[in-house]
Amino acid sequence: MDEVAVKAAVSAVAGTRATVRVEGRRIGVVIDASGLDAPARDALEASVRMAAAVPGYEVRTVVTAERAARRIVAVASGKGGVGKSTLSANLAIALARAGRRTGLVDADIYGPSQPRLMAVEGTRPEARDKVLLPVATPYGVPLLSMGQLVEPGRALAWRGPMTAGALGQLVEADWGVTDTLVVDLPPGTGDVQLTMVQKHRPAGAVIVSTPQDLALIDARRAIDLFRKAGVPIIGLVENMAGYACPHCGEVSDPFGRGGAEAAAREEGIAFLGRVPLDIAIRRASDAGQPPAAGADDRVFAPIAAQVVDWLGSH
């Protein structure tokens, strides 16, 4: 067996990513798969195995990878019903369109809605070595959600430790080359939020609120939670801000206007922008067609641009 020829054959398909060592009748190859996603790793390993194959010799491969530097953006609210999941989906897509390699985690364990929003209802993630592989979506943003792992409509009556364990599986999945994870947190300030800030440590948090006072009271609680945990607040988004009548064009404010911007100013954090109360956004979201994926998006792209700038300066 010509060891030099084997090394040359492996180098031809793997370059400097592979190191070959021959011991007796065994050919060992260590493959560095840093920065490759699961399909690319599998393809590289298969190519190396074929290149190293010699009759009468056993080929063993070991695939290694440096852990990618990945930043988490937590999207949170102090209460439900403020459009946090819709914002999370559109923010993730807008970040991807802005050049970030973005993944989306639906951490709303009890009310997962991202599979519908991202048009992948009915899909289930596969696993590799007991590690989940995110599901590809039509918008270039891989997704993991508890909604992909349980039957539709099934209630999850889980206590805190089980929800924390589920969150860990989603966040610590095989995200490949993803550099930014948008995590759609459930409403409130309970176990899932505490697990996130303590174990997975977001780079920053985006807080979502509607303009009315009751929602802002709870949004302040969410801000307080992240501040006490030492997680920076990227900014506040005001959702359901202003309704334009489709018939006459007159704009009204059924939930008030400017409350979130005033709260951001009082809290000393950035105001990232407003998302209008628009039936088109609701219909598109229900149909799995997030508006941020459209070329005419003028709502979510400016919010994402501010998040990109924040990540670049922090």
C-alpha atoms as a PDB file:
ATOM      1  CA  MET A   1       0.000   0.000   0.000  1.00  0.00           C
ATOM      2  CA  ASP A   2       1.428   3.375  -1.069  1.00  0.00           C
ATOM      3  CA  GLU A   3       0.810   5.690   1.890  1.00  0.00           C
ATOM      4  CA  VAL A   4       1.932   8.732  -0.082  1.00  0.00           C
ATOM      5  CA  ALA A   5      -0.623   7.967  -2.794  1.00  0.00           C
ATOM      6  CA  VAL A   6      -3.423   7.621  -0.219  1.00  0.00           C
ATOM      7  CA  LYS A   7      -2.540  10.966   1.360  1.00  0.00           C
ATOM      8  CA  ALA A   8      -2.465  12.598  -2.063  1.00  0.00           C
ATOM      9  CA  ALA A   9      -5.866  11.131  -2.971  1.00  0.00           C
ATOM     10  CA  VAL A  10      -7.426  12.356   0.283  1.00  0.00           C
ATOM     11  CA  SER A  11      -5.822  15.783  -0.114  1.00  0.00           C
ATOM     12  CA  ALA A  12      -7.304  16.055  -3.597  1.00  0.00           C
ATOM     13  CA  VAL A  13     -10.883  15.890  -2.212  1.00  0.00           C
ATOM     14  CA  ALA A  14     -10.415  17.442   1.233  1.00  0.00           C
ATOM     15  CA  GLY A  15      -7.436  19.766   0.944  1.00  0.00           C
ATOM     16  CA  THR A  16      -6.069  20.743   4.336  1.00  0.00           C
ATOM     17  CA  ARG A  17      -9.227  19.606   6.116  1.00  0.00           C
ATOM     18  CA  ALA A  18      -8.033  15.989   6.388  1.00  0.00           C
ATOM     19  CA  THR A  19      -5.089  14.369   8.176  1.00  0.00           C
ATOM     20  CA  VAL A  20      -4.177  10.778   7.260  1.00  0.00           C
ATOM     21  CA  ARG A  21      -2.424   8.270   9.477  1.00  0.00           C
ATOM     22  CA  VAL A  22      -1.708   4.621   8.658  1.00  0.00           C
ATOM     23  CA  GLU A  23      -1.254   2.016  11.403  1.00  0.00           C
ATOM     24  CA  GLY A  24      -0.924  -1.592  10.340  1.00  0.00           C
ATOM     25  CA  ARG A  25      -3.914  -2.461   8.175  1.00  0.00           C
ATOM     26  CA  ARG A  26      -5.915   0.574   9.308  1.00  0.00           C
ATOM     27  CA  ILE A  27      -6.143   3.968   7.608  1.00  0.00           C
ATOM     28  CA  GLY A  28      -7.294   6.698   9.981  1.00  0.00           C
ATOM     29  CA  VAL A  29      -8.477  10.078   8.723  1.00  0.00           C
ATOM     30  CA  VAL A  30      -9.320  13.079  10.903  1.00  0.00           C
ATOM     31  CA  ILE A  31     -11.595  15.517   9.054  1.00  0.00           C
ATOM     32  CA  ASP A  32     -12.007  19.134  10.124  1.00  0.00           C
ATOM     33  CA  ALA A  33     -15.594  20.096   9.227  1.00  0.00           C
ATOM     34  CA  SER A  34     -15.611  23.522  10.883  1.00  0.00           C
ATOM     35  CA  GLY A  35     -18.071  25.876   9.188  1.00  0.00           C
ATOM     36  CA  LEU A  36     -19.819  23.158   7.164  1.00  0.00           C
ATOM     37  CA  ASP A  37     -23.481  22.294   7.520  1.00  0.00           C
ATOM     38  CA  ALA A  38     -24.643  18.688   7.948  1.00  0.00           C
ATOM     39  CA  PRO A  39     -25.082  17.827   4.227  1.00  0.00           C
ATOM     40  CA  ALA A  40     -21.665  19.287   3.373  1.00  0.00           C
ATOM     41  CA  ARG A  41     -20.032  17.345   6.225  1.00  0.00           C
ATOM     42  CA  ASP A  42     -21.635  14.096   5.091  1.00  0.00           C
ATOM     43  CA  ALA A  43     -20.566  14.694   1.501  1.00  0.00           C
ATOM     44  CA  LEU A  44     -16.989  15.475   2.540  1.00  0.00           C
ATOM     45  CA  GLU A  45     -16.750  12.392   4.742  1.00  0.00           C
ATOM     46  CA  ALA A  46     -18.096  10.178   1.945  1.00  0.00           C
ATOM     47  CA  SER A  47     -15.581  11.615  -0.525  1.00  0.00           C
ATOM     48  CA  VAL A  48     -12.711  11.067   1.910  1.00  0.00           C
ATOM     49  CA  ARG A  49     -13.756   7.463   2.519  1.00  0.00           C
ATOM     50  CA  MET A  50     -13.778   6.762  -1.199  1.00  0.00           C
ATOM     51  CA  ALA A  51     -10.403   8.466  -1.725  1.00  0.00           C
ATOM     52  CA  ALA A  52      -8.787   6.554   1.142  1.00  0.00           C
ATOM     53  CA  ALA A  53     -10.210   3.139   0.218  1.00  0.00           C
ATOM     54  CA  VAL A  54      -7.498   0.514  -0.333  1.00  0.00           C
ATOM     55  CA  PRO A  55      -8.282  -3.213  -0.754  1.00  0.00           C
ATOM     56  CA  GLY A  56      -7.494  -5.106   2.430  1.00  0.00           C
ATOM     57  CA  TYR A  57      -7.366  -1.991   4.623  1.00  0.00           C
ATOM     58  CA  GLU A  58      -9.961  -0.639   7.064  1.00  0.00           C
ATOM     59  CA  VAL A  59     -10.768   3.073   6.762  1.00  0.00           C
ATOM     60  CA  ARG A  60     -11.818   4.922   9.913  1.00  0.00           C
ATOM     61  CA  THR A  61     -12.840   8.567   9.873  1.00  0.00           C
ATOM     62  CA  VAL A  62     -13.287  11.029  12.717  1.00  0.00           C
ATOM     63  CA  VAL A  63     -15.100  14.276  11.991  1.00  0.00           C
ATOM     64  CA  THR A  64     -14.308  17.268  14.198  1.00  0.00           C
ATOM     65  CA  ALA A  65     -15.497  20.860  14.131  1.00  0.00           C
ATOM     66  CA  GLU A  66     -14.815  24.017  16.086  1.00  0.00           C
ATOM     67  CA  ARG A  67     -17.918  25.377  17.749  1.00  0.00           C
ATOM     68  CA  ALA A  68     -19.232  28.260  15.684  1.00  0.00           C
ATOM     69  CA  ALA A  69     -19.387  31.678  17.286  1.00  0.00           C
ATOM     70  CA  ARG A  70     -23.133  32.158  17.321  1.00  0.00           C
ATOM     71  CA  ARG A  71     -25.082  35.060  18.790  1.00  0.00           C
ATOM     72  CA  ILE A  72     -28.590  34.783  20.160  1.00  0.00           C
ATOM     73  CA  VAL A  73     -31.195  37.499  19.766  1.00  0.00           C
ATOM     74  CA  ALA A  74     -34.070  36.864  22.172  1.00  0.00           C
ATOM     75  CA  VAL A  75     -37.470  38.264  21.178  1.00  0.00           C
ATOM     76  CA  ALA A  76     -39.596  38.685  24.281  1.00  0.00           C
ATOM     77  CA  SER A  77     -42.713  40.301  25.690  1.00  0.00           C
ATOM     78  CA  GLY A  78     -44.201  40.494  29.114  1.00  0.00           C
ATOM     79  CA  LYS A  79     -47.577  39.194  27.930  1.00  0.00           C
ATOM     80  CA  GLY A  80     -49.165  37.225  25.115  1.00  0.00           C
ATOM     81  CA  GLY A  81     -51.127  38.509  22.166  1.00  0.00           C
ATOM     82  CA  VAL A  82     -48.752  41.305  21.166  1.00  0.00           C
ATOM     83  CA  GLY A  83     -47.536  39.709  17.920  1.00  0.00           C
ATOM     84  CA  LYS A  84     -44.161  38.529  19.196  1.00  0.00           C
ATOM     85  CA  SER A  85     -44.040  35.375  17.043  1.00  0.00           C
ATOM     86  CA  THR A  86     -44.942  37.265  13.879  1.00  0.00           C
ATOM     87  CA  LEU A  87     -42.213  39.779  14.624  1.00  0.00           C
ATOM     88  CA  SER A  88     -39.699  36.981  15.354  1.00  0.00           C
ATOM     89  CA  ALA A  89     -40.351  35.252  12.026  1.00  0.00           C
ATOM     90  CA  ASN A  90     -40.149  38.452  10.016  1.00  0.00           C
ATOM     91  CA  LEU A  91     -37.098  39.689  11.910  1.00  0.00           C
ATOM     92  CA  ALA A  92     -35.264  36.417  11.220  1.00  0.00           C
ATOM     93  CA  ILE A  93     -36.067  36.638   7.509  1.00  0.00           C
ATOM     94  CA  ALA A  94     -35.106  40.314   7.331  1.00  0.00           C
ATOM     95  CA  LEU A  95     -31.808  39.580   9.101  1.00  0.00           C
ATOM     96  CA  ALA A  96     -31.080  36.817   6.578  1.00  0.00           C
ATOM     97  CA  ARG A  97     -31.832  39.196   3.717  1.00  0.00           C
ATOM     98  CA  ALA A  98     -29.458  41.699   5.325  1.00  0.00           C
ATOM     99  CA  GLY A  99     -26.617  39.165   5.157  1.00  0.00           C
ATOM    100  CA  ARG A 100     -26.741  37.433   8.526  1.00  0.00           C
ATOM    101  CA  ARG A 101     -26.738  33.617   8.465  1.00  0.00           C
ATOM    102  CA  THR A 102     -29.857  33.383  10.595  1.00  0.00           C
ATOM    103  CA  GLY A 103     -31.708  30.521  12.266  1.00  0.00           C
ATOM    104  CA  LEU A 104     -35.007  30.647  14.161  1.00  0.00           C
ATOM    105  CA  VAL A 105     -35.858  28.853  17.416  1.00  0.00           C
ATOM    106  CA  ASP A 106     -39.499  28.670  18.447  1.00  0.00           C
ATOM    107  CA  ALA A 107     -39.052  28.544  22.211  1.00  0.00           C
ATOM    108  CA  ASP A 108     -42.736  29.111  22.886  1.00  0.00           C
ATOM    109  CA  ILE A 109     -43.022  25.521  24.146  1.00  0.00           C
ATOM    110  CA  TYR A 110     -46.731  25.674  24.988  1.00  0.00           C
ATOM    111  CA  GLY A 111     -47.918  27.641  21.953  1.00  0.00           C
ATOM    112  CA  PRO A 112     -45.552  27.048  19.025  1.00  0.00           C
ATOM    113  CA  SER A 113     -46.644  28.884  15.879  1.00  0.00           C
ATOM    114  CA  GLN A 114     -43.482  29.247  13.804  1.00  0.00           C
ATOM    115  CA  PRO A 115     -44.024  26.135  11.619  1.00  0.00           C
ATOM    116  CA  ARG A 116     -47.139  27.795  10.177  1.00  0.00           C
ATOM    117  CA  LEU A 117     -45.570  31.227   9.910  1.00  0.00           C
ATOM    118  CA  MET A 118     -42.534  29.768   8.097  1.00  0.00           C
ATOM    119  CA  ALA A 119     -44.601  27.480   5.812  1.00  0.00           C
ATOM    120  CA  VAL A 120     -43.205  24.173   7.098  1.00  0.00           C
ATOM    121  CA  GLU A 121     -46.198  22.756   8.965  1.00  0.00           C
ATOM    122  CA  GLY A 122     -46.121  18.966   9.032  1.00  0.00           C
ATOM    123  CA  THR A 123     -42.336  18.656   8.732  1.00  0.00           C
ATOM    124  CA  ARG A 124     -40.267  16.913  11.386  1.00  0.00           C
ATOM    125  CA  PRO A 125     -36.585  17.511  12.102  1.00  0.00           C
ATOM    126  CA  GLU A 126     -34.147  14.647  11.798  1.00  0.00           C
ATOM    127  CA  ALA A 127     -31.362  13.940  14.281  1.00  0.00           C
ATOM    128  CA  ARG A 128     -27.690  13.129  13.858  1.00  0.00           C
ATOM    129  CA  ASP A 129     -25.927  11.542  16.833  1.00  0.00           C
ATOM    130  CA  LYS A 130     -28.893  12.567  19.014  1.00  0.00           C
ATOM    131  CA  VAL A 131     -28.525  16.194  17.919  1.00  0.00           C
ATOM    132  CA  LEU A 132     -31.451  17.806  16.093  1.00  0.00           C
ATOM    133  CA  LEU A 133     -30.992  19.068  12.543  1.00  0.00           C
ATOM    134  CA  PRO A 134     -32.989  22.258  11.842  1.00  0.00           C
ATOM    135  CA  VAL A 135     -35.646  22.146   9.137  1.00  0.00           C
ATOM    136  CA  ALA A 136     -35.051  24.229   6.026  1.00  0.00           C
ATOM    137  CA  THR A 137     -37.729  26.810   5.200  1.00  0.00           C
ATOM    138  CA  PRO A 138     -38.596  28.560   1.915  1.00  0.00           C
ATOM    139  CA  TYR A 139     -37.060  31.768   3.255  1.00  0.00           C
ATOM    140  CA  GLY A 140     -33.461  30.662   3.857  1.00  0.00           C
ATOM    141  CA  VAL A 141     -33.938  30.566   7.629  1.00  0.00           C
ATOM    142  CA  PRO A 142     -33.659  27.091   9.218  1.00  0.00           C
ATOM    143  CA  LEU A 143     -36.169  26.448  11.999  1.00  0.00           C
ATOM    144  CA  LEU A 144     -36.627  24.312  15.071  1.00  0.00           C
ATOM    145  CA  SER A 145     -39.885  24.337  16.995  1.00  0.00           C
ATOM    146  CA  MET A 146     -41.645  22.127  19.501  1.00  0.00           C
ATOM    147  CA  GLY A 147     -44.531  22.335  17.025  1.00  0.00           C
ATOM    148  CA  GLN A 148     -42.483  20.072  14.740  1.00  0.00           C
ATOM    149  CA  LEU A 149     -42.065  17.413  17.431  1.00  0.00           C
ATOM    150  CA  VAL A 150     -45.615  16.956  18.748  1.00  0.00           C
ATOM    151  CA  GLU A 151     -48.940  16.184  17.112  1.00  0.00           C
ATOM    152  CA  PRO A 152     -50.924  19.250  15.948  1.00  0.00           C
ATOM    153  CA  GLY A 153     -53.340  20.471  18.600  1.00  0.00           C
ATOM    154  CA  ARG A 154     -51.778  18.426  21.380  1.00  0.00           C
ATOM    155  CA  ALA A 155     -51.394  20.230  24.710  1.00  0.00           C
ATOM    156  CA  LEU A 156     -48.039  20.052  26.485  1.00  0.00           C
ATOM    157  CA  ALA A 157     -48.570  19.779  30.247  1.00  0.00           C
ATOM    158  CA  TRP A 158     -44.888  20.071  31.140  1.00  0.00           C
ATOM    159  CA  ARG A 159     -43.260  21.403  34.277  1.00  0.00           C
ATOM    160  CA  GLY A 160     -40.242  23.701  34.330  1.00  0.00           C
ATOM    161  CA  PRO A 161     -37.392  21.152  34.052  1.00  0.00           C
ATOM    162  CA  MET A 162     -38.972  19.532  30.986  1.00  0.00           C
ATOM    163  CA  THR A 163     -39.443  22.846  29.207  1.00  0.00           C
ATOM    164  CA  ALA A 164     -35.850  23.829  30.025  1.00  0.00           C
ATOM    165  CA  GLY A 165     -34.609  20.536  28.598  1.00  0.00           C
ATOM    166  CA  ALA A 166     -36.647  21.010  25.427  1.00  0.00           C
ATOM    167  CA  LEU A 167     -35.280  24.519  24.976  1.00  0.00           C
ATOM    168  CA  GLY A 168     -31.738  23.180  25.344  1.00  0.00           C
ATOM    169  CA  GLN A 169     -32.300  20.662  22.554  1.00  0.00           C
ATOM    170  CA  LEU A 170     -33.569  23.368  20.232  1.00  0.00           C
ATOM    171  CA  VAL A 171     -30.814  25.902  20.907  1.00  0.00           C
ATOM    172  CA  GLU A 172     -27.983  23.354  20.999  1.00  0.00           C
ATOM    173  CA  ALA A 173     -28.990  21.718  17.720  1.00  0.00           C
ATOM    174  CA  ASP A 174     -26.686  21.393  14.717  1.00  0.00           C
ATOM    175  CA  TRP A 175     -27.053  24.914  13.325  1.00  0.00           C
ATOM    176  CA  GLY A 176     -24.096  24.565  10.965  1.00  0.00           C
ATOM    177  CA  VAL A 177     -22.807  27.896   9.646  1.00  0.00           C
ATOM    178  CA  THR A 178     -25.575  29.920  11.282  1.00  0.00           C
ATOM    179  CA  ASP A 179     -24.134  32.991  13.030  1.00  0.00           C
ATOM    180  CA  THR A 180     -27.350  34.462  14.458  1.00  0.00           C
ATOM    181  CA  LEU A 181     -30.201  32.691  16.255  1.00  0.00           C
ATOM    182  CA  VAL A 182     -33.481  34.525  16.710  1.00  0.00           C
ATOM    183  CA  VAL A 183     -35.255  32.930  19.669  1.00  0.00           C
ATOM    184  CA  ASP A 184     -39.002  33.466  19.939  1.00  0.00           C
ATOM    185  CA  LEU A 185     -39.578  33.272  23.695  1.00  0.00           C
ATOM    186  CA  PRO A 186     -42.951  32.580  25.297  1.00  0.00           C
ATOM    187  CA  PRO A 187     -44.676  35.496  27.020  1.00  0.00           C
ATOM    188  CA  GLY A 188     -43.918  36.248  30.635  1.00  0.00           C
ATOM    189  CA  THR A 189     -40.888  36.004  32.894  1.00  0.00           C
ATOM    190  CA  GLY A 190     -40.869  32.342  33.939  1.00  0.00           C
ATOM    191  CA  ASP A 191     -38.761  29.195  33.656  1.00  0.00           C
ATOM    192  CA  VAL A 192     -38.058  29.325  29.924  1.00  0.00           C
ATOM    193  CA  GLN A 193     -36.888  32.924  30.066  1.00  0.00           C
ATOM    194  CA  LEU A 194     -34.685  32.242  33.086  1.00  0.00           C
ATOM    195  CA  THR A 195     -33.152  29.184  31.431  1.00  0.00           C
ATOM    196  CA  MET A 196     -32.396  31.198  28.326  1.00  0.00           C
ATOM    197  CA  VAL A 197     -30.640  34.045  30.104  1.00  0.00           C
ATOM    198  CA  GLN A 198     -28.753  31.797  32.518  1.00  0.00           C
ATOM    199  CA  LYS A 199     -27.694  28.901  30.303  1.00  0.00           C
ATOM    200  CA  HIS A 200     -27.733  30.126  26.715  1.00  0.00           C
ATOM    201  CA  ARG A 201     -26.927  33.798  27.276  1.00  0.00           C
ATOM    202  CA  PRO A 202     -28.451  35.994  24.554  1.00  0.00           C
ATOM    203  CA  ALA A 203     -26.302  38.723  23.048  1.00  0.00           C
ATOM    204  CA  GLY A 204     -29.311  40.984  23.428  1.00  0.00           C
ATOM    205  CA  ALA A 205     -33.088  41.123  23.624  1.00  0.00           C
ATOM    206  CA  VAL A 206     -35.757  42.735  21.454  1.00  0.00           C
ATOM    207  CA  ILE A 207     -38.903  43.592  23.432  1.00  0.00           C
ATOM    208  CA  VAL A 208     -42.301  43.673  21.699  1.00  0.00           C
ATOM    209  CA  SER A 209     -45.306  45.605  22.968  1.00  0.00           C
ATOM    210  CA  THR A 210     -48.534  47.097  21.713  1.00  0.00           C
ATOM    211  CA  PRO A 211     -49.166  50.793  22.434  1.00  0.00           C
ATOM    212  CA  GLN A 212     -51.701  50.478  25.254  1.00  0.00           C
ATOM    213  CA  ASP A 213     -50.728  50.934  28.889  1.00  0.00           C
ATOM    214  CA  LEU A 214     -51.506  47.375  30.028  1.00  0.00           C
ATOM    215  CA  ALA A 215     -49.112  45.883  27.478  1.00  0.00           C
ATOM    216  CA  LEU A 216     -46.425  48.416  28.355  1.00  0.00           C
ATOM    217  CA  ILE A 217     -46.624  47.498  32.042  1.00  0.00           C
ATOM    218  CA  ASP A 218     -45.737  43.908  31.160  1.00  0.00           C
ATOM    219  CA  ALA A 219     -43.105  44.970  28.628  1.00  0.00           C
ATOM    220  CA  ARG A 220     -41.343  46.873  31.419  1.00  0.00           C
ATOM    221  CA  ARG A 221     -41.303  43.652  33.467  1.00  0.00           C
ATOM    222  CA  ALA A 222     -39.579  41.857  30.585  1.00  0.00           C
ATOM    223  CA  ILE A 223     -37.035  44.675  30.324  1.00  0.00           C
ATOM    224  CA  ASP A 224     -36.405  44.435  34.051  1.00  0.00           C
ATOM    225  CA  LEU A 225     -35.833  40.670  33.861  1.00  0.00           C
ATOM    226  CA  PHE A 226     -33.161  40.969  31.176  1.00  0.00           C
ATOM    227  CA  ARG A 227     -31.491  43.882  32.913  1.00  0.00           C
ATOM    228  CA  LYS A 228     -31.255  42.003  36.198  1.00  0.00           C
ATOM    229  CA  ALA A 229     -29.730  39.056  34.314  1.00  0.00           C
ATOM    230  CA  GLY A 230     -27.188  41.330  32.642  1.00  0.00           C
ATOM    231  CA  VAL A 231     -28.577  40.841  29.125  1.00  0.00           C
ATOM    232  CA  PRO A 232     -28.511  44.062  27.065  1.00  0.00           C
ATOM    233  CA  ILE A 233     -31.739  45.355  25.566  1.00  0.00           C
ATOM    234  CA  ILE A 234     -31.356  45.933  21.819  1.00  0.00           C
ATOM    235  CA  GLY A 235     -34.573  47.913  21.666  1.00  0.00           C
ATOM    236  CA  LEU A 236     -38.343  48.032  21.784  1.00  0.00           C
ATOM    237  CA  VAL A 237     -40.792  47.473  18.910  1.00  0.00           C
ATOM    238  CA  GLU A 238     -44.331  48.845  18.922  1.00  0.00           C
ATOM    239  CA  ASN A 239     -46.677  46.382  17.225  1.00  0.00           C
ATOM    240  CA  MET A 240     -50.277  46.953  16.056  1.00  0.00           C
ATOM    241  CA  ALA A 241     -49.493  50.643  15.735  1.00  0.00           C
ATOM    242  CA  GLY A 242     -52.073  52.411  13.605  1.00  0.00           C
ATOM    243  CA  TYR A 243     -54.772  51.048  11.316  1.00  0.00           C
ATOM    244  CA  ALA A 244     -55.264  52.374   7.783  1.00  0.00           C
ATOM    245  CA  CYS A 245     -58.830  51.917   6.539  1.00  0.00           C
ATOM    246  CA  PRO A 246     -58.668  49.967   3.257  1.00  0.00           C
ATOM    247  CA  HIS A 247     -61.649  51.966   1.918  1.00  0.00           C
ATOM    248  CA  CYS A 248     -60.932  55.576   2.770  1.00  0.00           C
ATOM    249  CA  GLY A 249     -57.277  55.446   3.796  1.00  0.00           C
ATOM    250  CA  GLU A 250     -57.867  57.234   7.090  1.00  0.00           C
ATOM    251  CA  VAL A 251     -55.453  56.106   9.828  1.00  0.00           C
ATOM    252  CA  SER A 252     -56.824  55.427  13.305  1.00  0.00           C
ATOM    253  CA  ASP A 253     -55.129  54.158  16.452  1.00  0.00           C
ATOM    254  CA  PRO A 254     -57.433  51.671  18.222  1.00  0.00           C
ATOM    255  CA  PHE A 255     -54.663  50.722  20.679  1.00  0.00           C
ATOM    256  CA  GLY A 256     -53.232  54.197  21.014  1.00  0.00           C
ATOM    257  CA  ARG A 257     -50.007  55.507  19.518  1.00  0.00           C
ATOM    258  CA  GLY A 258     -46.547  56.320  20.750  1.00  0.00           C
ATOM    259  CA  GLY A 259     -46.783  54.533  24.075  1.00  0.00           C
ATOM    260  CA  ALA A 260     -43.937  52.139  23.309  1.00  0.00           C
ATOM    261  CA  GLU A 261     -41.726  54.907  21.962  1.00  0.00           C
ATOM    262  CA  ALA A 262     -42.325  56.937  25.125  1.00  0.00           C
ATOM    263  CA  ALA A 263     -41.609  53.876  27.271  1.00  0.00           C
ATOM    264  CA  ALA A 264     -38.350  53.253  25.391  1.00  0.00           C
ATOM    265  CA  ARG A 265     -37.306  56.822  25.992  1.00  0.00           C
ATOM    266  CA  GLU A 266     -38.114  56.546  29.694  1.00  0.00           C
ATOM    267  CA  GLU A 267     -36.231  53.247  29.988  1.00  0.00           C
ATOM    268  CA  GLY A 268     -33.225  54.617  28.135  1.00  0.00           C
ATOM    269  CA  ILE A 269     -33.343  52.034  25.344  1.00  0.00           C
ATOM    270  CA  ALA A 270     -33.617  52.273  21.566  1.00  0.00           C
ATOM    271  CA  PHE A 271     -36.991  52.454  19.855  1.00  0.00           C
ATOM    272  CA  LEU A 272     -36.672  50.150  16.829  1.00  0.00           C
ATOM    273  CA  GLY A 273     -39.883  51.078  15.047  1.00  0.00           C
ATOM    274  CA  ARG A 274     -43.582  50.427  14.543  1.00  0.00           C
ATOM    275  CA  VAL A 275     -45.431  47.559  12.884  1.00  0.00           C
ATOM    276  CA  PRO A 276     -48.892  48.652  11.701  1.00  0.00           C
ATOM    277  CA  LEU A 277     -52.146  46.888  12.481  1.00  0.00           C
ATOM    278  CA  ASP A 278     -52.571  45.635   8.932  1.00  0.00           C
ATOM    279  CA  ILE A 279     -54.891  42.857   7.757  1.00  0.00           C
ATOM    280  CA  ALA A 280     -52.386  42.085   4.973  1.00  0.00           C
ATOM    281  CA  ILE A 281     -49.714  41.176   7.536  1.00  0.00           C
ATOM    282  CA  ARG A 282     -52.152  38.900   9.371  1.00  0.00           C
ATOM    283  CA  ARG A 283     -53.327  37.173   6.208  1.00  0.00           C
ATOM    284  CA  ALA A 284     -49.809  36.703   4.863  1.00  0.00           C
ATOM    285  CA  SER A 285     -48.602  35.329   8.186  1.00  0.00           C
ATOM    286  CA  ASP A 286     -51.471  32.847   8.457  1.00  0.00           C
ATOM    287  CA  ALA A 287     -50.667  31.697   4.918  1.00  0.00           C
ATOM    288  CA  GLY A 288     -46.999  31.124   5.702  1.00  0.00           C
ATOM    289  CA  GLN A 289     -45.874  34.075   3.592  1.00  0.00           C
ATOM    290  CA  PRO A 290     -44.091  36.498   5.954  1.00  0.00           C
ATOM    291  CA  PRO A 291     -44.089  40.049   4.556  1.00  0.00           C
ATOM    292  CA  ALA A 292     -40.352  40.422   5.275  1.00  0.00           C
ATOM    293  CA  ALA A 293     -39.683  37.987   2.408  1.00  0.00           C
ATOM    294  CA  GLY A 294     -41.192  40.405  -0.108  1.00  0.00           C
ATOM    295  CA  ALA A 295     -39.102  42.801  -2.135  1.00  0.00           C
ATOM    296  CA  ASP A 296     -41.436  45.653  -1.118  1.00  0.00           C
ATOM    297  CA  ASP A 297     -40.991  45.169   2.636  1.00  0.00           C
ATOM    298  CA  ARG A 298     -40.670  48.561   4.298  1.00  0.00           C
ATOM    299  CA  VAL A 299     -41.656  47.527   7.824  1.00  0.00           C
ATOM    300  CA  PHE A 300     -39.304  44.798   9.040  1.00  0.00           C
ATOM    301  CA  ALA A 301     -36.150  45.584   7.043  1.00  0.00           C
ATOM    302  CA  PRO A 302     -35.497  48.866   8.938  1.00  0.00           C
ATOM    303  CA  ILE A 303     -35.924  47.052  12.267  1.00  0.00           C
ATOM    304  CA  ALA A 304     -33.518  44.334  11.161  1.00  0.00           C
ATOM    305  CA  ALA A 305     -31.006  46.937   9.985  1.00  0.00           C
ATOM    306  CA  GLN A 306     -30.894  48.423  13.478  1.00  0.00           C
ATOM    307  CA  VAL A 307     -30.398  44.963  14.999  1.00  0.00           C
ATOM    308  CA  VAL A 308     -27.537  44.290  12.557  1.00  0.00           C
ATOM    309  CA  ASP A 309     -25.922  47.601  13.504  1.00  0.00           C
ATOM    310  CA  TRP A 310     -26.321  46.789  17.197  1.00  0.00           C
ATOM    311  CA  LEU A 311     -24.740  43.350  16.808  1.00  0.00           C
ATOM    312  CA  GLY A 312     -21.858  44.904  14.898  1.00  0.00           C
ATOM    313  CA  SER A 313     -21.143  47.454  17.630  1.00  0.00           C
ATOM    314  CA  HIS A 314     -21.598  45.208  20.664  1.00  0.00           C
END
